[in-house]
């Protein structure tokens, strides 16, 4: 099965949390993954404007940018809120 999950695993994320009161950046969340860069690579949805779009818009963006061949993309994450207390 490892051949079907080649490293680095490709992720796509919104560039900033939707909740503007968040005190952790999306980049910091990515940096907290085990072995970022070698085990995970991230693409930020740069066209994503979290103040003006919905989860449906995010899903459509992910679908429209789908990778159709190997290595496949296994994760798309819309970060709503991130803070150090919860």
N, C-alpha and C. Protein backbone atom coordinates (compact mmCIF):
# COMPACT_ATOMS: atom_id res chain seq x y z
N UNK A 1 0.80 -1.21 0.00
CA UNK A 1 0.00 0.00 0.00
C UNK A 1 0.85 1.28 0.00
N UNK A 2 2.07 1.29 0.55
CA UNK A 2 2.85 2.54 0.53
C UNK A 2 3.04 3.12 -0.87
N UNK A 3 3.04 2.28 -1.91
CA UNK A 3 3.19 2.81 -3.26
C UNK A 3 1.97 3.63 -3.67
N UNK A 4 0.84 3.43 -3.02
CA UNK A 4 -0.37 4.22 -3.32
C UNK A 4 -0.43 5.49 -2.49
N UNK A 5 0.45 5.59 -1.52
CA UNK A 5 0.52 6.78 -0.67
C UNK A 5 1.94 7.35 -0.70
N UNK A 6 2.40 7.76 -1.87
CA UNK A 6 3.78 8.23 -1.97
C UNK A 6 3.99 9.53 -1.20
N UNK A 7 5.20 9.69 -0.71
CA UNK A 7 5.56 10.93 -0.02
C UNK A 7 6.20 11.88 -1.00
N UNK A 8 6.00 13.16 -0.84
CA UNK A 8 5.19 13.78 0.19
C UNK A 8 3.70 13.72 -0.15
N UNK A 9 2.87 13.61 0.88
CA UNK A 9 1.43 13.69 0.70
C UNK A 9 1.08 15.14 0.37
N UNK A 10 0.24 15.32 -0.62
CA UNK A 10 -0.09 16.65 -1.10
C UNK A 10 -1.37 17.15 -0.44
N UNK A 11 -1.29 18.33 0.19
CA UNK A 11 -2.43 18.95 0.87
C UNK A 11 -2.77 20.26 0.19
N UNK A 12 -4.01 20.66 0.28
CA UNK A 12 -4.41 22.01 -0.14
C UNK A 12 -5.16 22.64 1.02
N UNK A 13 -4.84 23.90 1.31
CA UNK A 13 -5.44 24.60 2.46
C UNK A 13 -5.77 26.04 2.08
N UNK A 14 -6.75 26.60 2.78
CA UNK A 14 -6.99 28.02 2.63
C UNK A 14 -5.84 28.77 3.31
N UNK A 15 -5.44 29.93 2.80
CA UNK A 15 -4.23 30.59 3.31
C UNK A 15 -4.36 31.22 4.70
N UNK A 16 -5.56 31.53 5.15
CA UNK A 16 -5.73 32.07 6.50
C UNK A 16 -7.04 31.54 7.07
N UNK A 17 -7.11 31.40 8.40
CA UNK A 17 -8.36 30.92 9.00
C UNK A 17 -9.52 31.86 8.68
N UNK A 18 -10.70 31.31 8.58
CA UNK A 18 -11.89 32.12 8.30
C UNK A 18 -12.19 33.05 9.47
N UNK A 19 -12.09 32.54 10.68
CA UNK A 19 -12.32 33.34 11.88
C UNK A 19 -11.11 34.25 12.10
N UNK A 20 -11.30 35.53 11.94
CA UNK A 20 -10.18 36.47 12.03
C UNK A 20 -9.62 36.61 13.45
N UNK A 21 -10.31 36.06 14.45
CA UNK A 21 -9.78 36.13 15.81
C UNK A 21 -8.77 35.01 16.11
N UNK A 22 -8.51 34.16 15.12
CA UNK A 22 -7.55 33.07 15.31
C UNK A 22 -6.17 33.63 15.61
N UNK A 23 -5.45 32.98 16.53
CA UNK A 23 -4.11 33.48 16.86
C UNK A 23 -3.01 32.53 16.39
N UNK A 24 -3.34 31.59 15.51
CA UNK A 24 -2.36 30.71 14.89
C UNK A 24 -2.56 30.78 13.38
N UNK A 25 -1.49 30.90 12.64
CA UNK A 25 -1.61 30.95 11.19
C UNK A 25 -1.74 29.54 10.62
N UNK A 26 -2.26 29.46 9.42
CA UNK A 26 -2.36 28.18 8.73
C UNK A 26 -0.95 27.63 8.48
N UNK A 27 0.01 28.52 8.20
CA UNK A 27 1.38 28.08 8.00
C UNK A 27 1.94 27.41 9.26
N UNK A 28 1.59 27.94 10.43
CA UNK A 28 2.05 27.34 11.69
C UNK A 28 1.41 25.97 11.90
N UNK A 29 0.15 25.81 11.52
CA UNK A 29 -0.49 24.50 11.62
C UNK A 29 0.22 23.50 10.71
N UNK A 30 0.53 23.92 9.49
CA UNK A 30 1.25 23.04 8.57
C UNK A 30 2.63 22.69 9.12
N UNK A 31 3.32 23.66 9.68
CA UNK A 31 4.65 23.42 10.25
C UNK A 31 4.60 22.44 11.41
N UNK A 32 3.44 22.29 12.05
CA UNK A 32 3.29 21.37 13.16
C UNK A 32 3.06 19.92 12.76
N UNK A 33 2.87 19.68 11.46
CA UNK A 33 2.71 18.30 11.00
C UNK A 33 4.04 17.56 11.12
N UNK A 34 4.01 16.25 11.24
CA UNK A 34 5.27 15.51 11.30
C UNK A 34 6.00 15.59 9.96
N UNK A 35 7.23 16.03 9.99
CA UNK A 35 8.08 16.12 8.80
C UNK A 35 7.48 16.94 7.66
N UNK A 36 7.04 18.18 7.94
CA UNK A 36 6.52 18.99 6.83
C UNK A 36 7.63 19.20 5.80
N UNK A 37 7.24 19.22 4.56
CA UNK A 37 8.23 19.37 3.49
C UNK A 37 8.68 18.04 2.92
N UNK A 38 9.01 17.08 3.78
CA UNK A 38 9.42 15.77 3.26
C UNK A 38 8.26 14.78 3.23
N UNK A 39 7.39 14.80 4.24
CA UNK A 39 6.25 13.89 4.27
C UNK A 39 4.96 14.55 3.79
N UNK A 40 4.90 15.86 3.84
CA UNK A 40 3.72 16.62 3.39
C UNK A 40 4.16 17.81 2.58
N UNK A 41 3.44 18.09 1.52
CA UNK A 41 3.63 19.35 0.79
C UNK A 41 2.28 20.05 0.79
N UNK A 42 2.32 21.36 0.81
CA UNK A 42 1.07 22.11 0.88
C UNK A 42 0.98 23.08 -0.30
N UNK A 43 -0.22 23.20 -0.79
CA UNK A 43 -0.55 24.22 -1.79
C UNK A 43 -1.64 25.07 -1.16
N UNK A 44 -1.42 26.37 -1.11
CA UNK A 44 -2.42 27.26 -0.56
C UNK A 44 -3.35 27.71 -1.67
N UNK A 45 -4.63 27.66 -1.42
CA UNK A 45 -5.62 28.10 -2.40
C UNK A 45 -5.59 29.62 -2.43
N UNK A 46 -4.66 30.16 -3.20
CA UNK A 46 -4.40 31.61 -3.18
C UNK A 46 -5.59 32.43 -3.62
N UNK A 47 -6.45 31.86 -4.45
CA UNK A 47 -7.64 32.60 -4.89
C UNK A 47 -8.74 32.58 -3.84
N UNK A 48 -8.50 31.87 -2.76
CA UNK A 48 -9.50 31.72 -1.71
C UNK A 48 -9.62 32.98 -0.89
N UNK A 49 -10.79 33.59 -0.88
CA UNK A 49 -11.07 34.76 -0.04
C UNK A 49 -12.07 34.30 1.00
N UNK A 50 -11.55 33.95 2.19
CA UNK A 50 -12.41 33.33 3.20
C UNK A 50 -13.54 34.23 3.66
N UNK A 51 -13.41 35.53 3.50
CA UNK A 51 -14.47 36.43 3.93
C UNK A 51 -15.63 36.46 2.94
N UNK A 52 -15.37 36.05 1.70
CA UNK A 52 -16.39 36.22 0.67
C UNK A 52 -16.92 34.90 0.11
N UNK A 53 -16.45 33.78 0.61
CA UNK A 53 -16.85 32.51 0.03
C UNK A 53 -17.39 31.55 1.09
N UNK A 54 -17.97 30.48 0.61
CA UNK A 54 -18.59 29.49 1.49
C UNK A 54 -17.84 28.17 1.41
N UNK A 55 -18.21 27.22 2.25
CA UNK A 55 -17.60 25.89 2.20
C UNK A 55 -17.88 25.24 0.85
N UNK A 56 -19.03 25.51 0.28
CA UNK A 56 -19.36 24.97 -1.05
C UNK A 56 -18.39 25.53 -2.09
N UNK A 57 -18.07 26.80 -2.01
CA UNK A 57 -17.10 27.39 -2.93
C UNK A 57 -15.73 26.73 -2.78
N UNK A 58 -15.34 26.46 -1.53
CA UNK A 58 -14.07 25.79 -1.27
C UNK A 58 -14.08 24.39 -1.88
N UNK A 59 -15.17 23.65 -1.68
CA UNK A 59 -15.28 22.31 -2.27
C UNK A 59 -15.18 22.36 -3.78
N UNK A 60 -15.85 23.34 -4.39
CA UNK A 60 -15.80 23.48 -5.85
C UNK A 60 -14.38 23.79 -6.32
N UNK A 61 -13.66 24.63 -5.57
CA UNK A 61 -12.27 24.95 -5.91
C UNK A 61 -11.42 23.69 -5.86
N UNK A 62 -11.60 22.89 -4.83
CA UNK A 62 -10.83 21.64 -4.70
C UNK A 62 -11.16 20.70 -5.86
N UNK A 63 -12.44 20.55 -6.16
CA UNK A 63 -12.84 19.66 -7.25
C UNK A 63 -12.29 20.14 -8.58
N UNK A 64 -12.36 21.45 -8.84
CA UNK A 64 -11.88 22.01 -10.10
C UNK A 64 -10.37 21.86 -10.27
N UNK A 65 -9.64 21.73 -9.15
CA UNK A 65 -8.18 21.60 -9.21
C UNK A 65 -7.73 20.18 -8.88
N UNK A 66 -8.62 19.22 -9.07
CA UNK A 66 -8.30 17.84 -8.72
C UNK A 66 -7.13 17.31 -9.54
N UNK A 67 -6.33 16.49 -8.90
CA UNK A 67 -5.26 15.79 -9.59
C UNK A 67 -5.84 14.47 -10.07
N UNK A 68 -5.75 14.22 -11.35
CA UNK A 68 -6.39 13.03 -11.91
C UNK A 68 -5.45 11.84 -12.03
N UNK A 69 -4.18 12.02 -11.76
CA UNK A 69 -3.22 10.92 -11.84
C UNK A 69 -2.42 10.82 -10.57
N UNK A 70 -1.59 9.82 -10.52
CA UNK A 70 -0.75 9.60 -9.35
C UNK A 70 0.40 10.60 -9.34
N UNK A 71 0.82 11.11 -8.21
CA UNK A 71 0.28 10.83 -6.89
C UNK A 71 -1.00 11.63 -6.65
N UNK A 72 -1.95 10.99 -6.02
CA UNK A 72 -3.24 11.62 -5.76
C UNK A 72 -3.15 12.57 -4.58
N UNK A 73 -4.10 13.48 -4.50
CA UNK A 73 -4.19 14.41 -3.38
C UNK A 73 -5.19 13.82 -2.38
N UNK A 74 -4.75 13.62 -1.14
CA UNK A 74 -5.59 12.99 -0.15
C UNK A 74 -6.15 13.95 0.89
N UNK A 75 -5.80 15.21 0.83
CA UNK A 75 -6.30 16.11 1.87
C UNK A 75 -6.54 17.51 1.38
N UNK A 76 -7.70 18.03 1.72
CA UNK A 76 -8.02 19.43 1.49
C UNK A 76 -8.64 19.93 2.78
N UNK A 77 -8.09 20.99 3.31
CA UNK A 77 -8.49 21.44 4.63
C UNK A 77 -8.87 22.90 4.61
N UNK A 78 -10.10 23.20 5.00
CA UNK A 78 -10.54 24.57 5.20
C UNK A 78 -10.42 24.82 6.69
N UNK A 79 -9.50 25.68 7.06
CA UNK A 79 -9.28 25.99 8.47
C UNK A 79 -10.24 27.11 8.86
N UNK A 80 -11.15 26.80 9.77
CA UNK A 80 -12.12 27.81 10.19
C UNK A 80 -11.54 28.67 11.31
N UNK A 81 -11.02 28.04 12.34
CA UNK A 81 -10.53 28.77 13.49
C UNK A 81 -9.36 28.00 14.09
N UNK A 82 -8.39 28.74 14.58
CA UNK A 82 -7.24 28.10 15.23
C UNK A 82 -6.75 29.03 16.33
N UNK A 83 -6.66 28.47 17.53
CA UNK A 83 -6.12 29.27 18.62
C UNK A 83 -5.37 28.37 19.59
N UNK A 84 -4.52 28.97 20.36
CA UNK A 84 -3.64 28.21 21.24
C UNK A 84 -4.35 27.65 22.49
N UNK A 85 -5.57 28.09 22.76
CA UNK A 85 -6.28 27.68 23.97
C UNK A 85 -7.20 26.49 23.77
N UNK A 86 -7.45 26.09 22.53
CA UNK A 86 -8.39 24.97 22.35
C UNK A 86 -7.93 23.96 21.35
